[in-house]
Amino acid sequence: MVAFSDAQLQAWMAAFLLPFFRILALFSAAPVLSIRSVPTRIRVGLSIVLAATIAPSVTVPMRVDLVSMTGLGFVAQEVAVGLAIGFAARLMFAAFDLAGEVIGLQMGLSFAGFFDPQGGTGTAVGSFMNTTATLVFLALNGPLLLIAATLRSFTTLPVGEVAFGFTSRFDPVTLGAEVFALGLLIALPFLALILFVNLILGVMSRVAPQLSLFSVGFPITIGAGLVLLVVGLPWIERPLAEGMGKLFLMFGA
């Protein structure tokens, strides 16, 4: 008869449940994986399957009692790691939102936000950039790469090694600077063209003062911005891929 001790059962449960909480937290915060159209049962089921797959290779501290204060601390840490990875992935899309808002402001489409019957503050360009970034993220197998990075994080960020030691890799100030820099990098070509168009309109207004700048300028700047948005769509893939690479390096994946 095969017998198991309480210590063995606790170790097996910890090796399964602790990765489960990290993966489930990722599914609750990561882009695309956390959208409402994905049922909660599917998220929990995938988390269980992935946790059961990674459990034999996960090293947990000896004699971990999950119902004790120490065990709850381990659970909280795993949830925090999963949420941090998902939040860092969401920040990549914040860069595209920032770029879209800046481009929309220079194109003149920000005025549409004042007349939004739903009271929204975002611009059409910001929504377009976010949707395009999401499609590119899916085309690059971003969700699968994000899950793979989380599974590899159990090697670089072991369970219960140092209490909240992952915070040394997760620097909000550095992340904010990266988001701002990436957003400006994406928007810079659009801003340069729109600035050139505005300079031409300024010269035209001086040469022909009888022209109505508001009636002529807005269609030209909006049209030029839309043309550049269509032409510049291939530029979005590279910044997003670079952002994903920096995300994986941040967590040592």
C-alpha atoms as a PDB file:
ATOM      1  CA  MET A   1       0.000   0.000   0.000  1.00  0.00           C
ATOM      2  CA  VAL A   2       1.333   3.387  -0.993  1.00  0.00           C
ATOM      3  CA  ALA A   3       1.237   5.923   1.835  1.00  0.00           C
ATOM      4  CA  PHE A   4       1.857   9.636   1.746  1.00  0.00           C
ATOM      5  CA  SER A   5       2.797  11.862   4.626  1.00  0.00           C
ATOM      6  CA  ASP A   6       1.237  15.231   5.360  1.00  0.00           C
ATOM      7  CA  ALA A   7       4.488  16.963   4.438  1.00  0.00           C
ATOM      8  CA  GLN A   8       4.495  15.354   0.999  1.00  0.00           C
ATOM      9  CA  LEU A   9       0.873  16.288   0.346  1.00  0.00           C
ATOM     10  CA  GLN A  10       1.502  19.873   1.433  1.00  0.00           C
ATOM     11  CA  ALA A  11       4.559  20.088  -0.829  1.00  0.00           C
ATOM     12  CA  TRP A  12       2.591  18.758  -3.797  1.00  0.00           C
ATOM     13  CA  MET A  13      -0.297  21.133  -3.156  1.00  0.00           C
ATOM     14  CA  ALA A  14       2.093  24.075  -2.824  1.00  0.00           C
ATOM     15  CA  ALA A  15       3.904  23.134  -6.047  1.00  0.00           C
ATOM     16  CA  PHE A  16       0.540  23.217  -7.836  1.00  0.00           C
ATOM     17  CA  LEU A  17      -1.334  26.062  -6.138  1.00  0.00           C
ATOM     18  CA  LEU A  18       1.446  28.657  -6.024  1.00  0.00           C
ATOM     19  CA  PRO A  19       2.086  28.539  -9.812  1.00  0.00           C
ATOM     20  CA  PHE A  20      -1.685  28.444 -10.283  1.00  0.00           C
ATOM     21  CA  PHE A  21      -2.112  31.777  -8.482  1.00  0.00           C
ATOM     22  CA  ARG A  22       0.680  33.410 -10.501  1.00  0.00           C
ATOM     23  CA  ILE A  23      -0.762  32.225 -13.817  1.00  0.00           C
ATOM     24  CA  LEU A  24      -4.334  33.111 -12.839  1.00  0.00           C
ATOM     25  CA  ALA A  25      -3.203  36.609 -11.850  1.00  0.00           C
ATOM     26  CA  LEU A  26      -1.596  36.959 -15.275  1.00  0.00           C
ATOM     27  CA  PHE A  27      -4.874  35.979 -16.943  1.00  0.00           C
ATOM     28  CA  SER A  28      -6.625  38.625 -14.838  1.00  0.00           C
ATOM     29  CA  ALA A  29      -4.347  41.517 -15.842  1.00  0.00           C
ATOM     30  CA  ALA A  30      -2.656  40.768 -19.172  1.00  0.00           C
ATOM     31  CA  PRO A  31      -3.940  42.355 -22.386  1.00  0.00           C
ATOM     32  CA  VAL A  32      -6.210  40.205 -24.561  1.00  0.00           C
ATOM     33  CA  LEU A  33      -6.140  37.403 -21.973  1.00  0.00           C
ATOM     34  CA  SER A  34      -8.212  39.446 -19.505  1.00  0.00           C
ATOM     35  CA  ILE A  35     -10.927  40.738 -21.835  1.00  0.00           C
ATOM     36  CA  ARG A  36     -14.525  40.095 -20.826  1.00  0.00           C
ATOM     37  CA  SER A  37     -15.232  38.003 -23.906  1.00  0.00           C
ATOM     38  CA  VAL A  38     -12.955  35.293 -22.469  1.00  0.00           C
ATOM     39  CA  PRO A  39     -15.111  33.400 -19.925  1.00  0.00           C
ATOM     40  CA  THR A  40     -13.821  33.075 -16.389  1.00  0.00           C
ATOM     41  CA  ARG A  41     -14.115  29.288 -16.563  1.00  0.00           C
ATOM     42  CA  ILE A  42     -11.711  29.196 -19.510  1.00  0.00           C
ATOM     43  CA  ARG A  43      -9.169  31.338 -17.645  1.00  0.00           C
ATOM     44  CA  VAL A  44      -9.371  29.154 -14.560  1.00  0.00           C
ATOM     45  CA  GLY A  45      -9.233  25.964 -16.638  1.00  0.00           C
ATOM     46  CA  LEU A  46      -6.173  27.102 -18.577  1.00  0.00           C
ATOM     47  CA  SER A  47      -4.519  28.181 -15.342  1.00  0.00           C
ATOM     48  CA  ILE A  48      -5.125  24.741 -13.846  1.00  0.00           C
ATOM     49  CA  VAL A  49      -3.716  22.977 -16.922  1.00  0.00           C
ATOM     50  CA  LEU A  50      -0.618  25.196 -17.054  1.00  0.00           C
ATOM     51  CA  ALA A  51      -0.055  24.916 -13.300  1.00  0.00           C
ATOM     52  CA  ALA A  52      -0.317  21.130 -13.439  1.00  0.00           C
ATOM     53  CA  THR A  53       2.161  21.111 -16.328  1.00  0.00           C
ATOM     54  CA  ILE A  54       4.755  23.307 -14.602  1.00  0.00           C
ATOM     55  CA  ALA A  55       4.255  21.895 -11.083  1.00  0.00           C
ATOM     56  CA  PRO A  56       6.795  18.999 -11.340  1.00  0.00           C
ATOM     57  CA  SER A  57       9.599  21.456 -12.182  1.00  0.00           C
ATOM     58  CA  VAL A  58       8.728  24.085  -9.556  1.00  0.00           C
ATOM     59  CA  THR A  59      10.807  24.166  -6.409  1.00  0.00           C
ATOM     60  CA  VAL A  60       8.936  25.334  -3.317  1.00  0.00           C
ATOM     61  CA  PRO A  61      10.236  25.917   0.218  1.00  0.00           C
ATOM     62  CA  MET A  62      10.081  22.936   2.505  1.00  0.00           C
ATOM     63  CA  ARG A  63       7.106  22.492   4.851  1.00  0.00           C
ATOM     64  CA  VAL A  64       4.957  25.227   3.333  1.00  0.00           C
ATOM     65  CA  ASP A  65       1.546  25.398   4.971  1.00  0.00           C
ATOM     66  CA  LEU A  66      -0.732  27.387   2.647  1.00  0.00           C
ATOM     67  CA  VAL A  67      -3.278  28.048   5.402  1.00  0.00           C
ATOM     68  CA  SER A  68      -0.689  29.712   7.627  1.00  0.00           C
ATOM     69  CA  MET A  69       0.419  33.334   7.540  1.00  0.00           C
ATOM     70  CA  THR A  70       3.636  32.314   5.774  1.00  0.00           C
ATOM     71  CA  GLY A  71       1.676  30.398   3.156  1.00  0.00           C
ATOM     72  CA  LEU A  72      -0.668  33.341   2.592  1.00  0.00           C
ATOM     73  CA  GLY A  73       2.409  35.535   2.144  1.00  0.00           C
ATOM     74  CA  PHE A  74       3.655  33.179  -0.582  1.00  0.00           C
ATOM     75  CA  VAL A  75       0.235  33.307  -2.253  1.00  0.00           C
ATOM     76  CA  ALA A  76       0.193  37.103  -2.131  1.00  0.00           C
ATOM     77  CA  GLN A  77       3.663  37.217  -3.646  1.00  0.00           C
ATOM     78  CA  GLU A  78       2.685  34.919  -6.526  1.00  0.00           C
ATOM     79  CA  VAL A  79      -0.420  36.996  -7.226  1.00  0.00           C
ATOM     80  CA  ALA A  80       1.700  40.154  -7.200  1.00  0.00           C
ATOM     81  CA  VAL A  81       4.200  38.650  -9.674  1.00  0.00           C
ATOM     82  CA  GLY A  82       1.433  37.646 -12.089  1.00  0.00           C
ATOM     83  CA  LEU A  83      -0.250  41.049 -11.831  1.00  0.00           C
ATOM     84  CA  ALA A  84       3.095  42.809 -12.349  1.00  0.00           C
ATOM     85  CA  ILE A  85       3.785  40.885 -15.565  1.00  0.00           C
ATOM     86  CA  GLY A  86       0.288  41.589 -16.857  1.00  0.00           C
ATOM     87  CA  PHE A  87       0.483  45.261 -15.889  1.00  0.00           C
ATOM     88  CA  ALA A  88       3.859  45.658 -17.597  1.00  0.00           C
ATOM     89  CA  ALA A  89       2.378  44.145 -20.764  1.00  0.00           C
ATOM     90  CA  ARG A  90      -0.520  46.584 -20.598  1.00  0.00           C
ATOM     91  CA  LEU A  91       1.908  49.490 -20.414  1.00  0.00           C
ATOM     92  CA  MET A  92       3.036  48.668 -23.964  1.00  0.00           C
ATOM     93  CA  PHE A  93      -0.464  49.482 -25.149  1.00  0.00           C
ATOM     94  CA  ALA A  94      -0.439  52.658 -23.077  1.00  0.00           C
ATOM     95  CA  ALA A  95       2.422  53.864 -25.298  1.00  0.00           C
ATOM     96  CA  PHE A  96       0.235  53.438 -28.374  1.00  0.00           C
ATOM     97  CA  ASP A  97      -2.636  55.207 -26.621  1.00  0.00           C
ATOM     98  CA  LEU A  98      -0.293  58.102 -25.837  1.00  0.00           C
ATOM     99  CA  ALA A  99       0.918  58.217 -29.432  1.00  0.00           C
ATOM    100  CA  GLY A 100      -2.653  58.187 -30.706  1.00  0.00           C
ATOM    101  CA  GLU A 101      -3.708  60.988 -28.390  1.00  0.00           C
ATOM    102  CA  VAL A 102      -0.762  63.163 -29.444  1.00  0.00           C
ATOM    103  CA  ILE A 103      -1.371  62.491 -33.135  1.00  0.00           C
ATOM    104  CA  GLY A 104      -5.090  63.152 -32.792  1.00  0.00           C
ATOM    105  CA  LEU A 105      -4.376  66.409 -30.981  1.00  0.00           C
ATOM    106  CA  GLN A 106      -2.099  67.626 -33.771  1.00  0.00           C
ATOM    107  CA  MET A 107      -4.523  66.497 -36.481  1.00  0.00           C
ATOM    108  CA  GLY A 108      -7.411  68.341 -34.887  1.00  0.00           C
ATOM    109  CA  LEU A 109      -9.491  65.255 -34.142  1.00  0.00           C
ATOM    110  CA  SER A 110      -9.370  65.937 -30.408  1.00  0.00           C
ATOM    111  CA  PHE A 111     -12.268  68.334 -30.911  1.00  0.00           C
ATOM    112  CA  ALA A 112     -14.450  65.288 -31.563  1.00  0.00           C
ATOM    113  CA  GLY A 113     -14.038  64.332 -27.906  1.00  0.00           C
ATOM    114  CA  PHE A 114     -15.967  67.427 -26.872  1.00  0.00           C
ATOM    115  CA  PHE A 115     -18.966  66.291 -28.904  1.00  0.00           C
ATOM    116  CA  ASP A 116     -18.938  62.634 -27.890  1.00  0.00           C
ATOM    117  CA  PRO A 117     -22.500  61.861 -26.705  1.00  0.00           C
ATOM    118  CA  GLN A 118     -21.140  59.203 -24.365  1.00  0.00           C
ATOM    119  CA  GLY A 119     -18.815  61.648 -22.656  1.00  0.00           C
ATOM    120  CA  GLY A 120     -15.627  59.907 -23.769  1.00  0.00           C
ATOM    121  CA  THR A 121     -12.305  61.679 -23.606  1.00  0.00           C
ATOM    122  CA  GLY A 122     -10.335  59.495 -26.028  1.00  0.00           C
ATOM    123  CA  THR A 123      -9.800  60.360 -29.658  1.00  0.00           C
ATOM    124  CA  ALA A 124     -10.526  58.267 -32.721  1.00  0.00           C
ATOM    125  CA  VAL A 125      -6.807  58.035 -33.478  1.00  0.00           C
ATOM    126  CA  GLY A 126      -6.095  56.730 -29.967  1.00  0.00           C
ATOM    127  CA  SER A 127      -8.742  54.018 -30.360  1.00  0.00           C
ATOM    128  CA  PHE A 128      -7.370  53.160 -33.808  1.00  0.00           C
ATOM    129  CA  MET A 129      -3.801  52.880 -32.542  1.00  0.00           C
ATOM    130  CA  ASN A 130      -4.888  50.717 -29.595  1.00  0.00           C
ATOM    131  CA  THR A 131      -6.915  48.413 -31.830  1.00  0.00           C
ATOM    132  CA  THR A 132      -4.059  48.137 -34.330  1.00  0.00           C
ATOM    133  CA  ALA A 133      -1.567  47.384 -31.549  1.00  0.00           C
ATOM    134  CA  THR A 134      -3.883  44.659 -30.243  1.00  0.00           C
ATOM    135  CA  LEU A 135      -4.122  43.062 -33.687  1.00  0.00           C
ATOM    136  CA  VAL A 136      -0.340  43.201 -34.101  1.00  0.00           C
ATOM    137  CA  PHE A 137       0.048  41.708 -30.618  1.00  0.00           C
ATOM    138  CA  LEU A 138      -2.145  38.796 -31.688  1.00  0.00           C
ATOM    139  CA  ALA A 139      -0.316  38.450 -35.014  1.00  0.00           C
ATOM    140  CA  LEU A 140       2.998  38.164 -33.150  1.00  0.00           C
ATOM    141  CA  ASN A 141       1.546  35.417 -30.895  1.00  0.00           C
ATOM    142  CA  GLY A 142       1.835  37.855 -28.004  1.00  0.00           C
ATOM    143  CA  PRO A 143      -0.510  35.973 -25.631  1.00  0.00           C
ATOM    144  CA  LEU A 144       1.414  32.713 -26.099  1.00  0.00           C
ATOM    145  CA  LEU A 145       4.757  34.477 -25.663  1.00  0.00           C
ATOM    146  CA  LEU A 146       3.447  36.161 -22.527  1.00  0.00           C
ATOM    147  CA  ILE A 147       2.334  32.819 -21.081  1.00  0.00           C
ATOM    148  CA  ALA A 148       5.688  31.266 -22.003  1.00  0.00           C
ATOM    149  CA  ALA A 149       7.523  34.150 -20.318  1.00  0.00           C
ATOM    150  CA  THR A 150       5.447  33.646 -17.182  1.00  0.00           C
ATOM    151  CA  LEU A 151       6.264  29.942 -17.119  1.00  0.00           C
ATOM    152  CA  ARG A 152       9.977  30.727 -17.558  1.00  0.00           C
ATOM    153  CA  SER A 153       9.739  33.254 -14.733  1.00  0.00           C
ATOM    154  CA  PHE A 154       9.508  30.363 -12.279  1.00  0.00           C
ATOM    155  CA  THR A 155      13.192  29.804 -13.011  1.00  0.00           C
ATOM    156  CA  THR A 156      14.330  33.418 -12.724  1.00  0.00           C
ATOM    157  CA  LEU A 157      11.843  34.317  -9.981  1.00  0.00           C
ATOM    158  CA  PRO A 158      11.529  31.123  -7.901  1.00  0.00           C
ATOM    159  CA  VAL A 159       8.621  30.630  -5.561  1.00  0.00           C
ATOM    160  CA  GLY A 160       9.363  31.962  -2.086  1.00  0.00           C
ATOM    161  CA  GLU A 161      13.055  32.664  -2.667  1.00  0.00           C
ATOM    162  CA  VAL A 162      13.009  36.295  -1.457  1.00  0.00           C
ATOM    163  CA  ALA A 163       9.950  38.060  -0.133  1.00  0.00           C
ATOM    164  CA  PHE A 164       8.742  40.265  -3.019  1.00  0.00           C
ATOM    165  CA  GLY A 165      12.213  40.150  -4.559  1.00  0.00           C
ATOM    166  CA  PHE A 166      10.715  40.743  -8.011  1.00  0.00           C
ATOM    167  CA  THR A 167      10.239  44.414  -7.130  1.00  0.00           C
ATOM    168  CA  SER A 168      13.928  44.959  -7.899  1.00  0.00           C
ATOM    169  CA  ARG A 169      13.115  44.152 -11.546  1.00  0.00           C
ATOM    170  CA  PHE A 170       9.806  46.024 -11.609  1.00  0.00           C
ATOM    171  CA  ASP A 171      10.655  49.748 -11.489  1.00  0.00           C
ATOM    172  CA  PRO A 172       7.554  51.928 -12.114  1.00  0.00           C
ATOM    173  CA  VAL A 173       9.676  55.020 -12.842  1.00  0.00           C
ATOM    174  CA  THR A 174      11.667  53.205 -15.522  1.00  0.00           C
ATOM    175  CA  LEU A 175       8.492  51.718 -16.983  1.00  0.00           C
ATOM    176  CA  GLY A 176       6.869  55.154 -17.152  1.00  0.00           C
ATOM    177  CA  ALA A 177       9.896  56.588 -18.925  1.00  0.00           C
ATOM    178  CA  GLU A 178       9.912  53.695 -21.401  1.00  0.00           C
ATOM    179  CA  VAL A 179       6.202  54.171 -22.141  1.00  0.00           C
ATOM    180  CA  PHE A 180       6.628  57.910 -22.686  1.00  0.00           C
ATOM    181  CA  ALA A 181       9.686  57.418 -24.895  1.00  0.00           C
ATOM    182  CA  LEU A 182       8.027  54.673 -26.942  1.00  0.00           C
ATOM    183  CA  GLY A 183       4.873  56.751 -27.413  1.00  0.00           C
ATOM    184  CA  LEU A 184       6.847  59.756 -28.642  1.00  0.00           C
ATOM    185  CA  LEU A 185       8.947  57.521 -30.907  1.00  0.00           C
ATOM    186  CA  ILE A 186       5.800  56.208 -32.588  1.00  0.00           C
ATOM    187  CA  ALA A 187       4.207  59.657 -32.884  1.00  0.00           C
ATOM    188  CA  LEU A 188       7.334  61.545 -34.012  1.00  0.00           C
ATOM    189  CA  PRO A 189       7.011  60.880 -37.802  1.00  0.00           C
ATOM    190  CA  PHE A 190       3.348  61.897 -37.710  1.00  0.00           C
ATOM    191  CA  LEU A 191       4.120  65.039 -35.734  1.00  0.00           C
ATOM    192  CA  ALA A 192       6.891  66.009 -38.164  1.00  0.00           C
ATOM    193  CA  LEU A 193       4.584  65.733 -41.178  1.00  0.00           C
ATOM    194  CA  ILE A 194       1.715  67.588 -39.526  1.00  0.00           C
ATOM    195  CA  LEU A 195       4.118  70.312 -38.424  1.00  0.00           C
ATOM    196  CA  PHE A 196       5.319  70.628 -42.026  1.00  0.00           C
ATOM    197  CA  VAL A 197       1.705  70.908 -43.205  1.00  0.00           C
ATOM    198  CA  ASN A 198       1.001  73.573 -40.595  1.00  0.00           C
ATOM    199  CA  LEU A 199       4.058  75.538 -41.750  1.00  0.00           C
ATOM    200  CA  ILE A 200       2.764  75.431 -45.323  1.00  0.00           C
ATOM    201  CA  LEU A 201      -0.662  76.589 -44.151  1.00  0.00           C
ATOM    202  CA  GLY A 202       0.964  79.412 -42.227  1.00  0.00           C
ATOM    203  CA  VAL A 203       2.793  80.582 -45.346  1.00  0.00           C
ATOM    204  CA  MET A 204      -0.424  80.327 -47.346  1.00  0.00           C
ATOM    205  CA  SER A 205      -2.290  82.404 -44.780  1.00  0.00           C
ATOM    206  CA  ARG A 206       0.365  85.119 -45.090  1.00  0.00           C
ATOM    207  CA  VAL A 207       0.400  85.022 -48.891  1.00  0.00           C
ATOM    208  CA  ALA A 208      -3.380  84.859 -49.266  1.00  0.00           C
ATOM    209  CA  PRO A 209      -5.001  86.353 -46.141  1.00  0.00           C
ATOM    210  CA  GLN A 210      -8.452  86.034 -47.698  1.00  0.00           C
ATOM    211  CA  LEU A 211      -8.273  82.251 -47.248  1.00  0.00           C
ATOM    212  CA  SER A 212     -10.111  81.011 -44.171  1.00  0.00           C
ATOM    213  CA  LEU A 213      -7.457  79.097 -42.240  1.00  0.00           C
ATOM    214  CA  PHE A 214      -9.986  77.168 -40.133  1.00  0.00           C
ATOM    215  CA  SER A 215     -12.068  76.058 -43.092  1.00  0.00           C
ATOM    216  CA  VAL A 216      -9.033  75.050 -45.164  1.00  0.00           C
ATOM    217  CA  GLY A 217      -6.536  73.945 -42.523  1.00  0.00           C
ATOM    218  CA  PHE A 218      -8.559  71.292 -40.692  1.00  0.00           C
ATOM    219  CA  PRO A 219      -9.427  69.169 -43.757  1.00  0.00           C
ATOM    220  CA  ILE A 220      -5.814  69.328 -44.959  1.00  0.00           C
ATOM    221  CA  THR A 221      -4.233  68.390 -41.626  1.00  0.00           C
ATOM    222  CA  ILE A 222      -6.778  65.643 -40.977  1.00  0.00           C
ATOM    223  CA  GLY A 223      -6.376  64.255 -44.504  1.00  0.00           C
ATOM    224  CA  ALA A 224      -2.571  64.312 -44.279  1.00  0.00           C
ATOM    225  CA  GLY A 225      -2.677  62.614 -40.887  1.00  0.00           C
ATOM    226  CA  LEU A 226      -5.010  59.878 -42.119  1.00  0.00           C
ATOM    227  CA  VAL A 227      -2.801  59.219 -45.151  1.00  0.00           C
ATOM    228  CA  LEU A 228       0.264  58.921 -42.934  1.00  0.00           C
ATOM    229  CA  LEU A 229      -1.607  56.609 -40.565  1.00  0.00           C
ATOM    230  CA  VAL A 230      -2.302  54.247 -43.455  1.00  0.00           C
ATOM    231  CA  VAL A 231       1.244  54.485 -44.797  1.00  0.00           C
ATOM    232  CA  GLY A 232       2.847  54.176 -41.358  1.00  0.00           C
ATOM    233  CA  LEU A 233       1.006  51.047 -40.173  1.00  0.00           C
ATOM    234  CA  PRO A 234       4.100  48.840 -40.760  1.00  0.00           C
ATOM    235  CA  TRP A 235       6.004  51.009 -38.260  1.00  0.00           C
ATOM    236  CA  ILE A 236       3.871  49.721 -35.408  1.00  0.00           C
ATOM    237  CA  GLU A 237       5.172  46.137 -35.466  1.00  0.00           C
ATOM    238  CA  ARG A 238       8.778  46.939 -34.589  1.00  0.00           C
ATOM    239  CA  PRO A 239       8.099  49.142 -31.497  1.00  0.00           C
ATOM    240  CA  LEU A 240       5.666  46.554 -30.174  1.00  0.00           C
ATOM    241  CA  ALA A 241       8.161  43.716 -30.687  1.00  0.00           C
ATOM    242  CA  GLU A 242      10.888  45.748 -28.981  1.00  0.00           C
ATOM    243  CA  GLY A 243       8.550  46.495 -26.076  1.00  0.00           C
ATOM    244  CA  MET A 244       7.791  42.796 -25.669  1.00  0.00           C
ATOM    245  CA  GLY A 245      11.515  42.018 -25.681  1.00  0.00           C
ATOM    246  CA  LYS A 246      12.172  44.581 -22.936  1.00  0.00           C
ATOM    247  CA  LEU A 247       9.284  43.116 -20.960  1.00  0.00           C
ATOM    248  CA  PHE A 248      10.783  39.611 -21.120  1.00  0.00           C
ATOM    249  CA  LEU A 249      14.208  40.916 -20.146  1.00  0.00           C
ATOM    250  CA  MET A 250      12.710  42.809 -17.201  1.00  0.00           C
ATOM    251  CA  PHE A 251      11.483  39.601 -15.615  1.00  0.00           C
ATOM    252  CA  GLY A 252      14.487  37.589 -16.734  1.00  0.00           C
ATOM    253  CA  ALA A 253      12.514  35.438 -19.134  1.00  0.00           C
END
